[in-house]
Amino acid sequence: MTSDEEIRYYWRLRWLSSIQAFCDTEVQAKCWLNPEERNPHYSFIECMCCYFDDAFMSEEDVFERRVARQHMTNEEVDAVAQFHSMAEAYQSPNNDDYDVRAILSDHKWHEVVKAAQNVAQKLLKLLKTPEEKDALTLPLQWSELEKGGWEAEFPRSP
């Protein structure tokens, strides 16, 4: 792979994986609410950060820029635009991003999750590689590092 191809490949996996986190109500309910969970990735804040910050989806004119770089197609933009707007506009109850119980009970959050799930179904029809489909449908595989911190690997189908 060339450098541009590698950038595109890994950006797409990160972007698709971040959408998967919005869709995954099982992980949200199990991990976000678990007081024993030590991995900071399992939180509302990280769900938002993975999409908007790590996948750089908060950039100005993000869709035009991603299409120009050939990171996204126009069809993918059409599929994701409504979800993107809803996620961007979402405000946690009482503006408390740490109150995950309230967030998971919030009907507006349920609407964002449903929009993400609809996007995932649309994108699955457009994706061409198994790696991208796995990133969109399977959660990241996390492991704790010996020296502290966490490391994620993109998922692979069995």
Protein backbone atom coordinates (compact mmCIF):
# COMPACT_ATOMS: atom_id res chain seq x y z
CA MET A 1 0.00 0.00 0.00
CA THR A 2 1.12 3.53 -0.66
CA SER A 3 0.99 6.10 2.09
CA ASP A 4 -2.23 7.65 0.71
CA GLU A 5 -3.81 4.20 0.46
CA GLU A 6 -2.79 3.39 4.03
CA ILE A 7 -4.19 6.67 5.32
CA ARG A 8 -7.49 6.01 3.53
CA TYR A 9 -7.62 2.38 4.69
CA TYR A 10 -7.03 3.12 8.37
CA TRP A 11 -9.17 6.26 8.39
CA ARG A 12 -12.10 4.28 7.00
CA LEU A 13 -11.69 1.52 9.58
CA ARG A 14 -11.59 4.11 12.36
CA TRP A 15 -14.64 5.95 10.96
CA LEU A 16 -16.68 2.77 10.49
CA SER A 17 -15.67 1.47 13.90
CA SER A 18 -16.80 4.72 15.50
CA ILE A 19 -20.24 4.30 13.90
CA GLN A 20 -20.33 0.73 15.23
CA ALA A 21 -19.90 2.08 18.77
CA PHE A 22 -23.03 4.24 18.36
CA CYS A 23 -24.97 1.19 17.15
CA ASP A 24 -23.86 -1.22 19.86
CA THR A 25 -26.55 -0.97 22.54
CA GLU A 26 -25.32 -4.21 24.12
CA VAL A 27 -21.84 -2.81 24.82
CA GLN A 28 -23.32 0.50 25.92
CA ALA A 29 -25.61 -1.14 28.47
CA LYS A 30 -23.06 -3.68 29.66
CA CYS A 31 -19.89 -1.58 29.78
CA TRP A 32 -20.97 2.02 30.21
CA LEU A 33 -22.94 1.13 33.34
CA ASN A 34 -20.42 -1.31 34.80
CA PRO A 35 -18.64 0.32 37.77
CA GLU A 36 -15.95 -2.39 37.51
CA GLU A 37 -15.12 -1.49 33.89
CA ARG A 38 -11.65 0.07 33.80
CA ASN A 39 -11.30 0.70 30.06
CA PRO A 40 -12.07 4.40 29.54
CA HIS A 41 -13.13 3.67 25.96
CA TYR A 42 -16.43 2.35 27.23
CA SER A 43 -18.18 5.65 27.84
CA PHE A 44 -20.48 8.10 26.16
CA ILE A 45 -17.67 10.65 25.99
CA GLU A 46 -15.35 8.26 24.16
CA CYS A 47 -18.14 7.21 21.79
CA MET A 48 -18.52 10.82 20.72
CA CYS A 49 -14.75 11.46 20.67
CA CYS A 50 -14.02 8.41 18.52
CA TYR A 51 -16.35 9.70 15.81
CA PHE A 52 -15.82 13.45 15.97
CA ASP A 53 -12.20 13.67 17.10
CA ASP A 54 -10.41 10.42 16.26
CA ALA A 55 -12.11 10.05 12.86
CA PHE A 56 -11.88 13.83 12.32
CA MET A 57 -15.59 14.16 11.60
CA SER A 58 -15.82 17.57 13.26
CA GLU A 59 -13.76 19.26 10.54
CA GLU A 60 -15.40 22.13 8.71
CA ASP A 61 -16.90 20.93 5.41
CA VAL A 62 -16.05 17.40 6.50
CA PHE A 63 -18.02 15.61 3.80
CA GLU A 64 -16.70 17.69 0.93
CA ARG A 65 -13.16 17.22 2.20
CA ARG A 66 -13.53 13.45 2.66
CA VAL A 67 -15.00 13.03 -0.82
CA ALA A 68 -12.22 15.18 -2.32
CA ARG A 69 -9.62 12.97 -0.62
CA GLN A 70 -11.49 9.89 -1.87
CA HIS A 71 -12.00 8.72 1.70
CA MET A 72 -15.78 8.66 1.23
CA THR A 73 -18.11 8.35 -1.71
CA ASN A 74 -21.08 10.61 -2.34
CA GLU A 75 -23.33 7.62 -1.63
CA GLU A 76 -21.69 7.17 1.78
CA VAL A 77 -22.16 10.85 2.53
CA ASP A 78 -25.84 10.57 1.64
CA ALA A 79 -26.14 7.55 3.93
CA VAL A 80 -24.42 9.13 6.93
CA ALA A 81 -25.43 12.82 6.77
CA GLN A 82 -28.61 12.64 8.87
CA PHE A 83 -26.96 10.53 11.58
CA HIS A 84 -23.98 12.90 11.61
CA SER A 85 -26.25 15.91 12.18
CA MET A 86 -28.17 14.15 14.92
CA ALA A 87 -25.02 13.03 16.74
CA GLU A 88 -23.49 16.49 16.40
CA ALA A 89 -26.61 18.13 17.87
CA TYR A 90 -27.09 15.64 20.70
CA GLN A 91 -26.87 17.10 24.21
CA SER A 92 -26.80 14.76 27.18
CA PRO A 93 -29.51 15.28 29.81
CA ASN A 94 -28.62 18.22 32.07
CA ASN A 95 -25.47 18.59 29.90
CA ASP A 96 -23.85 15.89 32.05
CA ASP A 97 -21.83 13.67 29.73
CA TYR A 98 -20.80 11.49 32.70
CA ASP A 99 -24.38 10.54 33.65
CA VAL A 100 -24.53 7.51 31.37
CA ARG A 101 -27.64 6.16 33.09
CA ALA A 102 -29.53 9.30 32.07
CA ILE A 103 -28.04 9.19 28.56
CA LEU A 104 -29.00 5.55 28.05
CA SER A 105 -32.55 6.39 29.23
CA ASP A 106 -32.82 9.47 27.02
CA HIS A 107 -35.21 9.08 24.08
CA LYS A 108 -33.06 11.52 22.08
CA TRP A 109 -30.04 9.24 22.53
CA HIS A 110 -32.21 6.32 21.37
CA GLU A 111 -32.96 8.32 18.21
CA VAL A 112 -29.23 8.87 17.59
CA VAL A 113 -28.56 5.14 18.11
CA LYS A 114 -31.40 4.19 15.76
CA ALA A 115 -30.05 6.61 13.14
CA ALA A 116 -26.60 4.99 13.49
CA GLN A 117 -28.12 1.54 13.08
CA ASN A 118 -29.92 2.70 9.93
CA VAL A 119 -26.65 4.14 8.60
CA ALA A 120 -24.89 0.85 9.27
CA GLN A 121 -27.47 -1.03 7.21
CA LYS A 122 -27.10 1.43 4.33
CA LEU A 123 -23.30 1.40 4.47
CA LEU A 124 -23.12 -2.40 4.53
CA LYS A 125 -24.62 -2.39 1.04
CA LEU A 126 -21.94 0.04 -0.16
CA LEU A 127 -18.82 -1.43 1.48
CA LYS A 128 -16.64 -3.68 -0.61
CA THR A 129 -14.07 -5.20 1.77
CA PRO A 130 -14.54 -7.69 4.61
CA GLU A 131 -12.32 -5.53 6.84
CA GLU A 132 -14.63 -2.54 6.45
CA LYS A 133 -17.74 -4.64 7.05
CA ASP A 134 -16.13 -6.08 10.19
CA ALA A 135 -15.22 -2.58 11.45
CA LEU A 136 -18.84 -1.52 11.02
CA THR A 137 -20.41 -4.60 12.61
CA LEU A 138 -17.97 -5.85 15.28
CA PRO A 139 -16.68 -3.98 18.34
CA LEU A 140 -13.01 -3.12 18.68
CA GLN A 141 -10.94 -5.75 20.46
CA TRP A 142 -9.33 -4.15 23.50
CA SER A 143 -6.40 -5.34 25.59
CA GLU A 144 -4.78 -3.73 28.59
CA LEU A 145 -1.10 -2.93 28.21
CA GLU A 146 1.38 -4.11 30.82
CA LYS A 147 2.71 -0.58 31.33
CA GLY A 148 -0.79 0.85 31.65
CA GLY A 149 -3.22 2.11 29.08
CA TRP A 150 -5.24 0.24 26.51
CA GLU A 151 -4.75 -0.89 22.94
CA ALA A 152 -7.42 -1.65 20.36
CA GLU A 153 -7.32 -3.86 17.31
CA PHE A 154 -9.81 -3.74 14.52
CA PRO A 155 -12.05 -6.80 14.61
CA ARG A 156 -11.88 -9.72 12.21
CA SER A 157 -14.65 -12.15 11.40
CA PRO A 158 -13.97 -15.72 12.46
